[in-house]
Amino acid sequence: MSYEKVAQADNGTIIGTKQVLKAIKNGHAREVIIASDADLHITSKVSQAAAEHQVPCNYVDSMTQLGKSCGIDVGAATVAIKQ
């Protein structure tokens, strides 16, 4: 389900941990998607920031599939759907 949300995001997506963190802090993220198979050291910062800023956070199984849903050829650990 979340893969479809990412692929169909009207306002676009923000890909990558640094960019997602910035979007959360600036209030530009409507929802955050995190790949469960990504390194916890990386994703914990995003999930913590999302909780602090009350941004909904969902998890998907695969970095590879999340990247494909965004239209990129590499895996994506975190993605934000823009406001």
Protein backbone atom coordinates (compact mmCIF):
# COMPACT_ATOMS: atom_id res chain seq x y z
CA MET A 1 0.00 0.00 0.00
CA SER A 2 2.69 2.52 0.93
CA TYR A 3 4.60 1.75 -2.27
CA GLU A 4 1.50 2.86 -4.19
CA LYS A 5 1.20 6.02 -2.08
CA VAL A 6 4.78 6.94 -2.97
CA ALA A 7 4.32 6.20 -6.66
CA GLN A 8 1.10 8.24 -6.82
CA ALA A 9 2.16 11.20 -4.64
CA ASP A 10 0.64 14.28 -6.27
CA ASN A 11 2.98 16.84 -4.75
CA GLY A 12 6.06 14.69 -5.17
CA THR A 13 8.48 12.94 -2.88
CA ILE A 14 11.70 13.69 -1.06
CA ILE A 15 14.23 10.86 -1.20
CA GLY A 16 17.15 10.24 1.15
CA THR A 17 17.69 10.48 4.88
CA LYS A 18 19.29 13.94 4.99
CA GLN A 19 16.64 15.47 2.74
CA VAL A 20 13.81 13.75 4.61
CA LEU A 21 15.11 14.99 7.97
CA LYS A 22 15.28 18.53 6.58
CA ALA A 23 11.73 18.26 5.19
CA ILE A 24 10.37 17.03 8.53
CA LYS A 25 12.04 19.84 10.46
CA ASN A 26 10.84 22.48 7.97
CA GLY A 27 7.26 21.18 7.96
CA HIS A 28 7.32 20.05 4.32
CA ALA A 29 6.65 16.34 4.98
CA ARG A 30 3.07 15.06 5.07
CA GLU A 31 4.09 11.44 5.66
CA VAL A 32 7.32 9.47 5.99
CA ILE A 33 7.97 6.00 4.58
CA ILE A 34 10.87 3.94 6.00
CA ALA A 35 12.26 0.69 4.59
CA SER A 36 12.44 -2.00 7.28
CA ASP A 37 15.55 -3.57 5.75
CA ALA A 38 17.52 -0.30 6.00
CA ASP A 39 20.18 0.22 8.66
CA LEU A 40 18.55 1.07 11.99
CA HIS A 41 21.31 3.57 12.73
CA ILE A 42 20.11 5.63 9.77
CA THR A 43 16.36 5.20 10.03
CA SER A 44 16.09 5.77 13.78
CA LYS A 45 16.92 9.47 13.31
CA VAL A 46 14.10 9.83 10.81
CA SER A 47 11.52 7.97 12.91
CA GLN A 48 12.48 10.02 15.97
CA ALA A 49 12.19 13.33 14.08
CA ALA A 50 8.84 12.25 12.62
CA ALA A 51 7.51 11.45 16.09
CA GLU A 52 8.74 14.79 17.47
CA HIS A 53 7.07 16.74 14.67
CA GLN A 54 3.93 14.55 14.62
CA VAL A 55 4.45 13.36 11.07
CA PRO A 56 2.89 9.95 10.35
CA CYS A 57 5.51 7.26 9.77
CA ASN A 58 4.89 4.02 7.85
CA TYR A 59 7.18 1.09 7.15
CA VAL A 60 7.66 -1.00 4.03
CA ASP A 61 9.68 -4.19 3.55
CA SER A 62 12.21 -3.33 0.87
CA MET A 63 14.61 -0.48 0.14
CA THR A 64 14.86 -1.69 -3.44
CA GLN A 65 11.11 -1.61 -4.00
CA LEU A 66 10.81 1.77 -2.27
CA GLY A 67 13.45 3.17 -4.62
CA LYS A 68 11.62 1.77 -7.65
CA SER A 69 8.37 3.35 -6.42
CA CYS A 70 10.18 6.70 -6.41
CA GLY A 71 11.44 6.14 -9.94
CA ILE A 72 15.12 5.65 -9.07
CA ASP A 73 17.37 2.69 -9.86
CA VAL A 74 18.82 2.32 -6.36
CA GLY A 75 17.30 1.53 -2.98
CA ALA A 76 15.85 4.22 -0.75
CA ALA A 77 15.96 3.93 3.03
CA THR A 78 13.58 6.82 3.68
CA VAL A 79 11.12 8.82 1.62
CA ALA A 80 8.86 11.71 2.54
CA ILE A 81 5.66 12.62 0.75
CA LYS A 82 5.49 16.41 0.37
CA GLN A 83 2.70 18.51 1.87
